[in-house]
Amino acid sequence: MVGATNKKVTLSLDASLVQEVRRLVREGAAKSQSAFFEAALRERVKEAKRDKRRRALLAASKDPQFLADIEEVERDFAHADAEAARTIR
C-alpha cells in the first residue's frame, strides 16, 4: 500500500528474480511484491550497517591511540570496578 511516507520507484531487476518473488508472494511469503522487496531491503540495510560497525571496530582494535585510550579508562575505573566486584560477591 502506497502511503504518505512511501516513495514509488522504478527498478530494473533480473527477470528470474522477479518471477521468484512473485511465486513467493503467491505462496504467502509477503502480502505484496512491494512488501517483499521492502522487507528484503530493510534487512540488507541492517546488514550493511552491522558490517560497517564491524569494520570500524576492527580498525579501532588496531589503532594504537584507541587502545591507549581504552587502557587509560580501565586504569581510571579500576578502583570502582574492584569495589563493584566485591559488592556483587
PDB file of N, CA and C in Angstrom:
ATOM      1  N   MET A   1       0.842  -1.184   0.000  1.00  0.00           N
ATOM      2  CA  MET A   1       0.000   0.000   0.000  1.00  0.00           C
ATOM      3  C   MET A   1       0.879   1.236   0.000  1.00  0.00           C
ATOM      4  N   VAL A   2       0.659   2.122  -0.920  1.00  0.00           N
ATOM      5  CA  VAL A   2       1.436   3.353  -1.005  1.00  0.00           C
ATOM      6  C   VAL A   2       0.809   4.379  -0.080  1.00  0.00           C
ATOM      7  N   GLY A   3       1.606   4.840   0.880  1.00  0.00           N
ATOM      8  CA  GLY A   3       1.119   5.810   1.848  1.00  0.00           C
ATOM      9  C   GLY A   3       1.873   7.116   1.729  1.00  0.00           C
ATOM     10  N   ALA A   4       1.588   8.010   2.662  1.00  0.00           N
ATOM     11  CA  ALA A   4       2.194   9.338   2.624  1.00  0.00           C
ATOM     12  C   ALA A   4       3.714   9.271   2.778  1.00  0.00           C
ATOM     13  N   THR A   5       4.226   8.253   3.473  1.00  0.00           N
ATOM     14  CA  THR A   5       5.664   8.166   3.690  1.00  0.00           C
ATOM     15  C   THR A   5       6.352   7.264   2.666  1.00  0.00           C
ATOM     16  N   ASN A   6       5.607   6.639   1.802  1.00  0.00           N
ATOM     17  CA  ASN A   6       6.195   5.767   0.786  1.00  0.00           C
ATOM     18  C   ASN A   6       6.558   6.559  -0.451  1.00  0.00           C
ATOM     19  N   LYS A   7       7.557   6.069  -1.167  1.00  0.00           N
ATOM     20  CA  LYS A   7       8.010   6.700  -2.408  1.00  0.00           C
ATOM     21  C   LYS A   7       8.019   5.629  -3.479  1.00  0.00           C
ATOM     22  N   LYS A   8       7.325   5.875  -4.545  1.00  0.00           N
ATOM     23  CA  LYS A   8       7.285   4.938  -5.651  1.00  0.00           C
ATOM     24  C   LYS A   8       8.584   5.065  -6.437  1.00  0.00           C
ATOM     25  N   VAL A   9       9.210   3.925  -6.752  1.00  0.00           N
ATOM     26  CA  VAL A   9      10.464   3.922  -7.507  1.00  0.00           C
ATOM     27  C   VAL A   9      10.382   2.900  -8.631  1.00  0.00           C
ATOM     28  N   THR A  10      11.228   3.065  -9.599  1.00  0.00           N
ATOM     29  CA  THR A  10      11.323   2.116 -10.698  1.00  0.00           C
ATOM     30  C   THR A  10      12.688   1.457 -10.632  1.00  0.00           C
ATOM     31  N   LEU A  11      12.687   0.133 -10.690  1.00  0.00           N
ATOM     32  CA  LEU A  11      13.934  -0.622 -10.626  1.00  0.00           C
ATOM     33  C   LEU A  11      14.015  -1.580 -11.800  1.00  0.00           C
ATOM     34  N   SER A  12      15.215  -1.896 -12.202  1.00  0.00           N
ATOM     35  CA  SER A  12      15.430  -2.950 -13.193  1.00  0.00           C
ATOM     36  C   SER A  12      16.014  -4.137 -12.452  1.00  0.00           C
ATOM     37  N   LEU A  13      15.307  -5.263 -12.505  1.00  0.00           N
ATOM     38  CA  LEU A  13      15.725  -6.462 -11.795  1.00  0.00           C
ATOM     39  C   LEU A  13      15.786  -7.636 -12.751  1.00  0.00           C
ATOM     40  N   ASP A  14      16.586  -8.602 -12.407  1.00  0.00           N
ATOM     41  CA  ASP A  14      16.666  -9.821 -13.189  1.00  0.00           C
ATOM     42  C   ASP A  14      15.281 -10.464 -13.262  1.00  0.00           C
ATOM     43  N   ALA A  15      14.867 -10.833 -14.471  1.00  0.00           N
ATOM     44  CA  ALA A  15      13.518 -11.377 -14.679  1.00  0.00           C
ATOM     45  C   ALA A  15      13.266 -12.623 -13.841  1.00  0.00           C
ATOM     46  N   SER A  16      14.267 -13.478 -13.693  1.00  0.00           N
ATOM     47  CA  SER A  16      14.061 -14.700 -12.902  1.00  0.00           C
ATOM     48  C   SER A  16      13.867 -14.371 -11.426  1.00  0.00           C
ATOM     49  N   LEU A  17      14.513 -13.317 -10.950  1.00  0.00           N
ATOM     50  CA  LEU A  17      14.322 -12.886  -9.563  1.00  0.00           C
ATOM     51  C   LEU A  17      12.895 -12.391  -9.359  1.00  0.00           C
ATOM     52  N   VAL A  18      12.409 -11.604 -10.292  1.00  0.00           N
ATOM     53  CA  VAL A  18      11.041 -11.087 -10.201  1.00  0.00           C
ATOM     54  C   VAL A  18      10.046 -12.249 -10.194  1.00  0.00           C
ATOM     55  N   GLN A  19      10.261 -13.230 -11.051  1.00  0.00           N
ATOM     56  CA  GLN A  19       9.369 -14.397 -11.090  1.00  0.00           C
ATOM     57  C   GLN A  19       9.393 -15.145  -9.760  1.00  0.00           C
ATOM     58  N   GLU A  20      10.571 -15.293  -9.196  1.00  0.00           N
ATOM     59  CA  GLU A  20      10.695 -15.992  -7.910  1.00  0.00           C
ATOM     60  C   GLU A  20       9.974 -15.228  -6.797  1.00  0.00           C
ATOM     61  N   VAL A  21      10.106 -13.915  -6.797  1.00  0.00           N
ATOM     62  CA  VAL A  21       9.413 -13.103  -5.794  1.00  0.00           C
ATOM     63  C   VAL A  21       7.912 -13.227  -5.974  1.00  0.00           C
ATOM     64  N   ARG A  22       7.444 -13.167  -7.205  1.00  0.00           N
ATOM     65  CA  ARG A  22       6.003 -13.310  -7.457  1.00  0.00           C
ATOM     66  C   ARG A  22       5.494 -14.650  -6.952  1.00  0.00           C
ATOM     67  N   ARG A  23       6.270 -15.714  -7.196  1.00  0.00           N
ATOM     68  CA  ARG A  23       5.871 -17.048  -6.709  1.00  0.00           C
ATOM     69  C   ARG A  23       5.813 -17.058  -5.181  1.00  0.00           C
ATOM     70  N   LEU A  24       6.819 -16.499  -4.552  1.00  0.00           N
ATOM     71  CA  LEU A  24       6.852 -16.475  -3.088  1.00  0.00           C
ATOM     72  C   LEU A  24       5.694 -15.668  -2.509  1.00  0.00           C
ATOM     73  N   VAL A  25       5.366 -14.569  -3.139  1.00  0.00           N
ATOM     74  CA  VAL A  25       4.237 -13.746  -2.676  1.00  0.00           C
ATOM     75  C   VAL A  25       2.935 -14.535  -2.824  1.00  0.00           C
ATOM     76  N   ARG A  26       2.780 -15.211  -3.946  1.00  0.00           N
ATOM     77  CA  ARG A  26       1.571 -16.045  -4.128  1.00  0.00           C
ATOM     78  C   ARG A  26       1.473 -17.122  -3.046  1.00  0.00           C
ATOM     79  N   GLU A  27       2.621 -17.621  -2.605  1.00  0.00           N
ATOM     80  CA  GLU A  27       2.656 -18.664  -1.571  1.00  0.00           C
ATOM     81  C   GLU A  27       2.531 -18.087  -0.164  1.00  0.00           C
ATOM     82  N   GLY A  28       2.435 -16.766  -0.050  1.00  0.00           N
ATOM     83  CA  GLY A  28       2.210 -16.141   1.250  1.00  0.00           C
ATOM     84  C   GLY A  28       3.436 -15.600   1.953  1.00  0.00           C
ATOM     85  N   ALA A  29       4.556 -15.511   1.267  1.00  0.00           N
ATOM     86  CA  ALA A  29       5.782 -15.011   1.901  1.00  0.00           C
ATOM     87  C   ALA A  29       5.677 -13.530   2.280  1.00  0.00           C
ATOM     88  N   ALA A  30       4.796 -12.815   1.608  1.00  0.00           N
ATOM     89  CA  ALA A  30       4.564 -11.393   1.901  1.00  0.00           C
ATOM     90  C   ALA A  30       3.206 -11.034   1.331  1.00  0.00           C
ATOM     91  N   LYS A  31       2.660  -9.914   1.791  1.00  0.00           N
ATOM     92  CA  LYS A  31       1.331  -9.526   1.309  1.00  0.00           C
ATOM     93  C   LYS A  31       1.363  -8.964  -0.102  1.00  0.00           C
ATOM     94  N   SER A  32       2.554  -8.515  -0.553  1.00  0.00           N
ATOM     95  CA  SER A  32       2.681  -7.963  -1.901  1.00  0.00           C
ATOM     96  C   SER A  32       4.148  -7.995  -2.303  1.00  0.00           C
ATOM     97  N   GLN A  33       4.392  -7.779  -3.596  1.00  0.00           N
ATOM     98  CA  GLN A  33       5.774  -7.693  -4.059  1.00  0.00           C
ATOM     99  C   GLN A  33       6.483  -6.515  -3.382  1.00  0.00           C
ATOM    100  N   SER A  34       5.778  -5.406  -3.268  1.00  0.00           N
ATOM    101  CA  SER A  34       6.378  -4.238  -2.617  1.00  0.00           C
ATOM    102  C   SER A  34       6.773  -4.561  -1.187  1.00  0.00           C
ATOM    103  N   ALA A  35       5.894  -5.242  -0.469  1.00  0.00           N
ATOM    104  CA  ALA A  35       6.199  -5.610   0.918  1.00  0.00           C
ATOM    105  C   ALA A  35       7.389  -6.555   0.975  1.00  0.00           C
ATOM    106  N   PHE A  36       7.441  -7.482   0.039  1.00  0.00           N
ATOM    107  CA  PHE A  36       8.557  -8.431  -0.007  1.00  0.00           C
ATOM    108  C   PHE A  36       9.871  -7.686  -0.231  1.00  0.00           C
ATOM    109  N   PHE A  37       9.909  -6.834  -1.267  1.00  0.00           N
ATOM    110  CA  PHE A  37      11.134  -6.094  -1.565  1.00  0.00           C
ATOM    111  C   PHE A  37      11.503  -5.148  -0.428  1.00  0.00           C
ATOM    112  N   GLU A  38      10.511  -4.494   0.175  1.00  0.00           N
ATOM    113  CA  GLU A  38      10.812  -3.583   1.283  1.00  0.00           C
ATOM    114  C   GLU A  38      11.448  -4.335   2.445  1.00  0.00           C
ATOM    115  N   ALA A  39      10.890  -5.495   2.791  1.00  0.00           N
ATOM    116  CA  ALA A  39      11.451  -6.289   3.891  1.00  0.00           C
ATOM    117  C   ALA A  39      12.875  -6.734   3.557  1.00  0.00           C
ATOM    118  N   ALA A  40      13.088  -7.165   2.313  1.00  0.00           N
ATOM    119  CA  ALA A  40      14.426  -7.603   1.908  1.00  0.00           C
ATOM    120  C   ALA A  40      15.418  -6.442   1.954  1.00  0.00           C
ATOM    121  N   LEU A  41      14.994  -5.290   1.495  1.00  0.00           N
ATOM    122  CA  LEU A  41      15.876  -4.122   1.507  1.00  0.00           C
ATOM    123  C   LEU A  41      16.176  -3.657   2.927  1.00  0.00           C
ATOM    124  N   ARG A  42      15.161  -3.679   3.785  1.00  0.00           N
ATOM    125  CA  ARG A  42      15.395  -3.300   5.189  1.00  0.00           C
ATOM    126  C   ARG A  42      16.431  -4.227   5.826  1.00  0.00           C
ATOM    127  N   GLU A  43      16.303  -5.528   5.561  1.00  0.00           N
ATOM    128  CA  GLU A  43      17.257  -6.498   6.111  1.00  0.00           C
ATOM    129  C   GLU A  43      18.657  -6.231   5.565  1.00  0.00           C
ATOM    130  N   ARG A  44      18.763  -5.930   4.293  1.00  0.00           N
ATOM    131  CA  ARG A  44      20.074  -5.654   3.680  1.00  0.00           C
ATOM    132  C   ARG A  44      20.681  -4.374   4.239  1.00  0.00           C
ATOM    133  N   VAL A  45      19.851  -3.364   4.495  1.00  0.00           N
ATOM    134  CA  VAL A  45      20.343  -2.118   5.100  1.00  0.00           C
ATOM    135  C   VAL A  45      20.892  -2.400   6.504  1.00  0.00           C
ATOM    136  N   LYS A  46      20.155  -3.190   7.301  1.00  0.00           N
ATOM    137  CA  LYS A  46      20.628  -3.548   8.647  1.00  0.00           C
ATOM    138  C   LYS A  46      21.957  -4.291   8.566  1.00  0.00           C
ATOM    139  N   GLU A  47      22.055  -5.224   7.620  1.00  0.00           N
ATOM    140  CA  GLU A  47      23.278  -5.994   7.434  1.00  0.00           C
ATOM    141  C   GLU A  47      24.448  -5.083   7.051  1.00  0.00           C
ATOM    142  N   ALA A  48      24.209  -4.135   6.162  1.00  0.00           N
ATOM    143  CA  ALA A  48      25.258  -3.203   5.743  1.00  0.00           C
ATOM    144  C   ALA A  48      25.723  -2.352   6.926  1.00  0.00           C
ATOM    145  N   LYS A  49      24.791  -1.931   7.770  1.00  0.00           N
ATOM    146  CA  LYS A  49      25.153  -1.135   8.950  1.00  0.00           C
ATOM    147  C   LYS A  49      25.973  -1.971   9.932  1.00  0.00           C
ATOM    148  N   ARG A  50      25.572  -3.241  10.140  1.00  0.00           N
ATOM    149  CA  ARG A  50      26.339  -4.135  11.018  1.00  0.00           C
ATOM    150  C   ARG A  50      27.749  -4.321  10.481  1.00  0.00           C
ATOM    151  N   ASP A  51      27.863  -4.519   9.169  1.00  0.00           N
ATOM    152  CA  ASP A  51      29.177  -4.690   8.557  1.00  0.00           C
ATOM    153  C   ASP A  51      30.039  -3.445   8.743  1.00  0.00           C
ATOM    154  N   LYS A  52      29.425  -2.281   8.608  1.00  0.00           N
ATOM    155  CA  LYS A  52      30.162  -1.026   8.797  1.00  0.00           C
ATOM    156  C   LYS A  52      30.678  -0.919  10.227  1.00  0.00           C
ATOM    157  N   ARG A  53      29.815  -1.268  11.210  1.00  0.00           N
ATOM    158  CA  ARG A  53      30.245  -1.225  12.616  1.00  0.00           C
ATOM    159  C   ARG A  53      31.378  -2.226  12.864  1.00  0.00           C
ATOM    160  N   ARG A  54      31.254  -3.429  12.295  1.00  0.00           N
ATOM    161  CA  ARG A  54      32.312  -4.436  12.454  1.00  0.00           C
ATOM    162  C   ARG A  54      33.643  -3.924  11.908  1.00  0.00           C
ATOM    163  N   ARG A  55      33.598  -3.319  10.732  1.00  0.00           N
ATOM    164  CA  ARG A  55      34.832  -2.789  10.144  1.00  0.00           C
ATOM    165  C   ARG A  55      35.421  -1.682  11.016  1.00  0.00           C
ATOM    166  N   ALA A  56      34.559  -0.834  11.567  1.00  0.00           N
ATOM    167  CA  ALA A  56      35.039   0.247  12.437  1.00  0.00           C
ATOM    168  C   ALA A  56      35.663  -0.311  13.711  1.00  0.00           C
ATOM    169  N   LEU A  57      35.033  -1.329  14.283  1.00  0.00           N
ATOM    170  CA  LEU A  57      35.589  -1.937  15.498  1.00  0.00           C
ATOM    171  C   LEU A  57      36.906  -2.641  15.208  1.00  0.00           C
ATOM    172  N   LEU A  58      36.985  -3.311  14.071  1.00  0.00           N
ATOM    173  CA  LEU A  58      38.229  -3.972  13.693  1.00  0.00           C
ATOM    174  C   LEU A  58      39.338  -2.940  13.509  1.00  0.00           C
ATOM    175  N   ALA A  59      39.023  -1.839  12.849  1.00  0.00           N
ATOM    176  CA  ALA A  59      40.016  -0.776  12.663  1.00  0.00           C
ATOM    177  C   ALA A  59      40.441  -0.204  14.015  1.00  0.00           C
ATOM    178  N   ALA A  60      39.478   0.004  14.906  1.00  0.00           N
ATOM    179  CA  ALA A  60      39.789   0.549  16.232  1.00  0.00           C
ATOM    180  C   ALA A  60      40.677  -0.412  17.015  1.00  0.00           C
ATOM    181  N   SER A  61      40.438  -1.713  16.849  1.00  0.00           N
ATOM    182  CA  SER A  61      41.225  -2.697  17.596  1.00  0.00           C
ATOM    183  C   SER A  61      42.691  -2.705  17.175  1.00  0.00           C
ATOM    184  N   LYS A  62      42.987  -2.076  16.042  1.00  0.00           N
ATOM    185  CA  LYS A  62      44.371  -1.998  15.549  1.00  0.00           C
ATOM    186  C   LYS A  62      44.953  -0.591  15.680  1.00  0.00           C
ATOM    187  N   ASP A  63      44.169   0.328  16.233  1.00  0.00           N
ATOM    188  CA  ASP A  63      44.589   1.728  16.360  1.00  0.00           C
ATOM    189  C   ASP A  63      45.285   1.931  17.707  1.00  0.00           C
ATOM    190  N   PRO A  64      46.585   2.215  17.706  1.00  0.00           N
ATOM    191  CA  PRO A  64      47.316   2.370  18.972  1.00  0.00           C
ATOM    192  C   PRO A  64      46.732   3.452  19.883  1.00  0.00           C
ATOM    193  N   GLN A  65      46.277   4.572  19.319  1.00  0.00           N
ATOM    194  CA  GLN A  65      45.714   5.646  20.150  1.00  0.00           C
ATOM    195  C   GLN A  65      44.418   5.187  20.819  1.00  0.00           C
ATOM    196  N   PHE A  66      43.561   4.481  20.061  1.00  0.00           N
ATOM    197  CA  PHE A  66      42.312   3.970  20.630  1.00  0.00           C
ATOM    198  C   PHE A  66      42.621   2.978  21.752  1.00  0.00           C
ATOM    199  N   LEU A  67      43.572   2.076  21.514  1.00  0.00           N
ATOM    200  CA  LEU A  67      43.926   1.085  22.539  1.00  0.00           C
ATOM    201  C   LEU A  67      44.507   1.762  23.778  1.00  0.00           C
ATOM    202  N   ALA A  68      45.290   2.812  23.574  1.00  0.00           N
ATOM    203  CA  ALA A  68      45.840   3.556  24.717  1.00  0.00           C
ATOM    204  C   ALA A  68      44.713   4.231  25.496  1.00  0.00           C
ATOM    205  N   ASP A  69      43.738   4.774  24.800  1.00  0.00           N
ATOM    206  CA  ASP A  69      42.588   5.401  25.470  1.00  0.00           C
ATOM    207  C   ASP A  69      41.824   4.375  26.300  1.00  0.00           C
ATOM    208  N   ILE A  70      41.631   3.178  25.761  1.00  0.00           N
ATOM    209  CA  ILE A  70      40.927   2.115  26.491  1.00  0.00           C
ATOM    210  C   ILE A  70      41.699   1.748  27.757  1.00  0.00           C
ATOM    211  N   GLU A  71      43.010   1.601  27.640  1.00  0.00           N
ATOM    212  CA  GLU A  71      43.830   1.279  28.812  1.00  0.00           C
ATOM    213  C   GLU A  71      43.732   2.371  29.867  1.00  0.00           C
ATOM    214  N   GLU A  72      43.725   3.621  29.434  1.00  0.00           N
ATOM    215  CA  GLU A  72      43.614   4.740  30.375  1.00  0.00           C
ATOM    216  C   GLU A  72      42.273   4.695  31.112  1.00  0.00           C
ATOM    217  N   VAL A  73      41.202   4.445  30.393  1.00  0.00           N
ATOM    218  CA  VAL A  73      39.875   4.355  31.021  1.00  0.00           C
ATOM    219  C   VAL A  73      39.836   3.193  32.001  1.00  0.00           C
ATOM    220  N   GLU A  74      40.421   2.061  31.619  1.00  0.00           N
ATOM    221  CA  GLU A  74      40.447   0.907  32.527  1.00  0.00           C
ATOM    222  C   GLU A  74      41.219   1.236  33.807  1.00  0.00           C
ATOM    223  N   ARG A  75      42.327   1.939  33.676  1.00  0.00           N
ATOM    224  CA  ARG A  75      43.086   2.348  34.867  1.00  0.00           C
ATOM    225  C   ARG A  75      42.252   3.303  35.728  1.00  0.00           C
ATOM    226  N   ASP A  76      41.593   4.263  35.071  1.00  0.00           N
ATOM    227  CA  ASP A  76      40.794   5.249  35.805  1.00  0.00           C
ATOM    228  C   ASP A  76      39.662   4.606  36.590  1.00  0.00           C
ATOM    229  N   PHE A  77      39.117   3.519  36.086  1.00  0.00           N
ATOM    230  CA  PHE A  77      37.969   2.889  36.722  1.00  0.00           C
ATOM    231  C   PHE A  77      38.316   1.606  37.476  1.00  0.00           C
ATOM    232  N   ALA A  78      39.590   1.274  37.578  1.00  0.00           N
ATOM    233  CA  ALA A  78      39.994   0.024  38.228  1.00  0.00           C
ATOM    234  C   ALA A  78      39.479  -0.050  39.667  1.00  0.00           C
ATOM    235  N   HIS A  79      39.593   1.041  40.407  1.00  0.00           N
ATOM    236  CA  HIS A  79      39.146   1.046  41.806  1.00  0.00           C
ATOM    237  C   HIS A  79      37.625   0.826  41.875  1.00  0.00           C
ATOM    238  N   ALA A  80      36.872   1.540  41.065  1.00  0.00           N
ATOM    239  CA  ALA A  80      35.411   1.397  41.070  1.00  0.00           C
ATOM    240  C   ALA A  80      35.001   0.001  40.626  1.00  0.00           C
ATOM    241  N   ASP A  81      35.693  -0.550  39.643  1.00  0.00           N
ATOM    242  CA  ASP A  81      35.385  -1.908  39.184  1.00  0.00           C
ATOM    243  C   ASP A  81      35.641  -2.931  40.282  1.00  0.00           C
ATOM    244  N   ALA A  82      36.768  -2.763  40.999  1.00  0.00           N
ATOM    245  CA  ALA A  82      37.099  -3.695  42.083  1.00  0.00           C
ATOM    246  C   ALA A  82      36.070  -3.588  43.199  1.00  0.00           C
ATOM    247  N   GLU A  83      35.661  -2.384  43.524  1.00  0.00           N
ATOM    248  CA  GLU A  83      34.643  -2.176  44.564  1.00  0.00           C
ATOM    249  C   GLU A  83      33.313  -2.807  44.166  1.00  0.00           C
ATOM    250  N   ALA A  84      32.917  -2.615  42.934  1.00  0.00           N
ATOM    251  CA  ALA A  84      31.668  -3.201  42.444  1.00  0.00           C
ATOM    252  C   ALA A  84      31.751  -4.717  42.470  1.00  0.00           C
ATOM    253  N   ALA A  85      32.883  -5.268  42.122  1.00  0.00           N
ATOM    254  CA  ALA A  85      33.045  -6.725  42.125  1.00  0.00           C
ATOM    255  C   ALA A  85      32.916  -7.278  43.537  1.00  0.00           C
ATOM    256  N   ARG A  86      33.445  -6.538  44.510  1.00  0.00           N
ATOM    257  CA  ARG A  86      33.327  -7.005  45.910  1.00  0.00           C
ATOM    258  C   ARG A  86      31.875  -7.007  46.386  1.00  0.00           C
ATOM    259  N   THR A  87      31.095  -6.032  45.963  1.00  0.00           N
ATOM    260  CA  THR A  87      29.703  -5.952  46.425  1.00  0.00           C
ATOM    261  C   THR A  87      28.814  -6.996  45.727  1.00  0.00           C
ATOM    262  N   ILE A  88      29.234  -7.457  44.557  1.00  0.00           N
ATOM    263  CA  ILE A  88      28.444  -8.462  43.827  1.00  0.00           C
ATOM    264  C   ILE A  88      28.605  -9.838  44.461  1.00  0.00           C
ATOM    265  N   ARG A  89      29.764 -10.112  45.008  1.00  0.00           N
ATOM    266  CA  ARG A  89      30.021 -11.440  45.585  1.00  0.00           C
ATOM    267  C   ARG A  89      29.156 -11.732  46.723  1.00  0.00           C
TER     268      ARG A  89
END
